[in-house]
Amino acid sequence: MNLADLLSDTTYRDRAAQAIDQFLAEHGAPVSRTQINGLRQIAIQQPLAVEPFADKQRQRAEKKLATASDRSRPKIESEIAFWKLIADLCEGDTGWSLRTEALRHLPSELREENIPEKAKGLSAEDRGLRKQLKQRQREWVMQWNQEHIPLFLRRLCTHLLYRLEPDPS
């Protein structure tokens, strides 16, 4: 079993369930099954597009909120909070996110504290080393995201669909 599968079966399952349970307790179900399935498809097909997609959905909901009636405002506010949650779970700096999880597993030679700092007095050799390490770091994080975003969001969407009311059709 590789690290991705292990994280999917433990950490991602638990974090997804916790995030959805907490969100539903506070906001109710803000998005449709179609939106959830769309999010899952984007995560599988274009994992690096998830955060921009969530931001776009949030912005669209914020525009709707500007002209919404008092009756529809709570549902739209919940939708905004949902898309913010998705972006935060992918790239958030505070609390747990896929970004913080990636940084925990980043190989030691690619950690910021092990990369020479950018400074005027760096030798050509140190500048080259820094550039090479930064490039390897970006590639590692991109590969991590392409592998782990779909795993996590599959867990999250599955738990959300499980927790939603049964489809009346």
Foldseek 3Di string as FASTA:
>chain_A
DDPLVVCLVPVLLVVLLVLLVVLCVVQNDQDDLVVLVVLLVCCQPPLVCNLVVLVVQLVVLVVCLVPDDPVCNSSSVSSNVVSVSSNCQDDNDPDHHLNVVLLVVPPPCLHPVNQDDDDDPDDPVSVVSNVVSPVVNVVSVVVSSSSNSSSSSVSNSVSNVVPDDDDPD
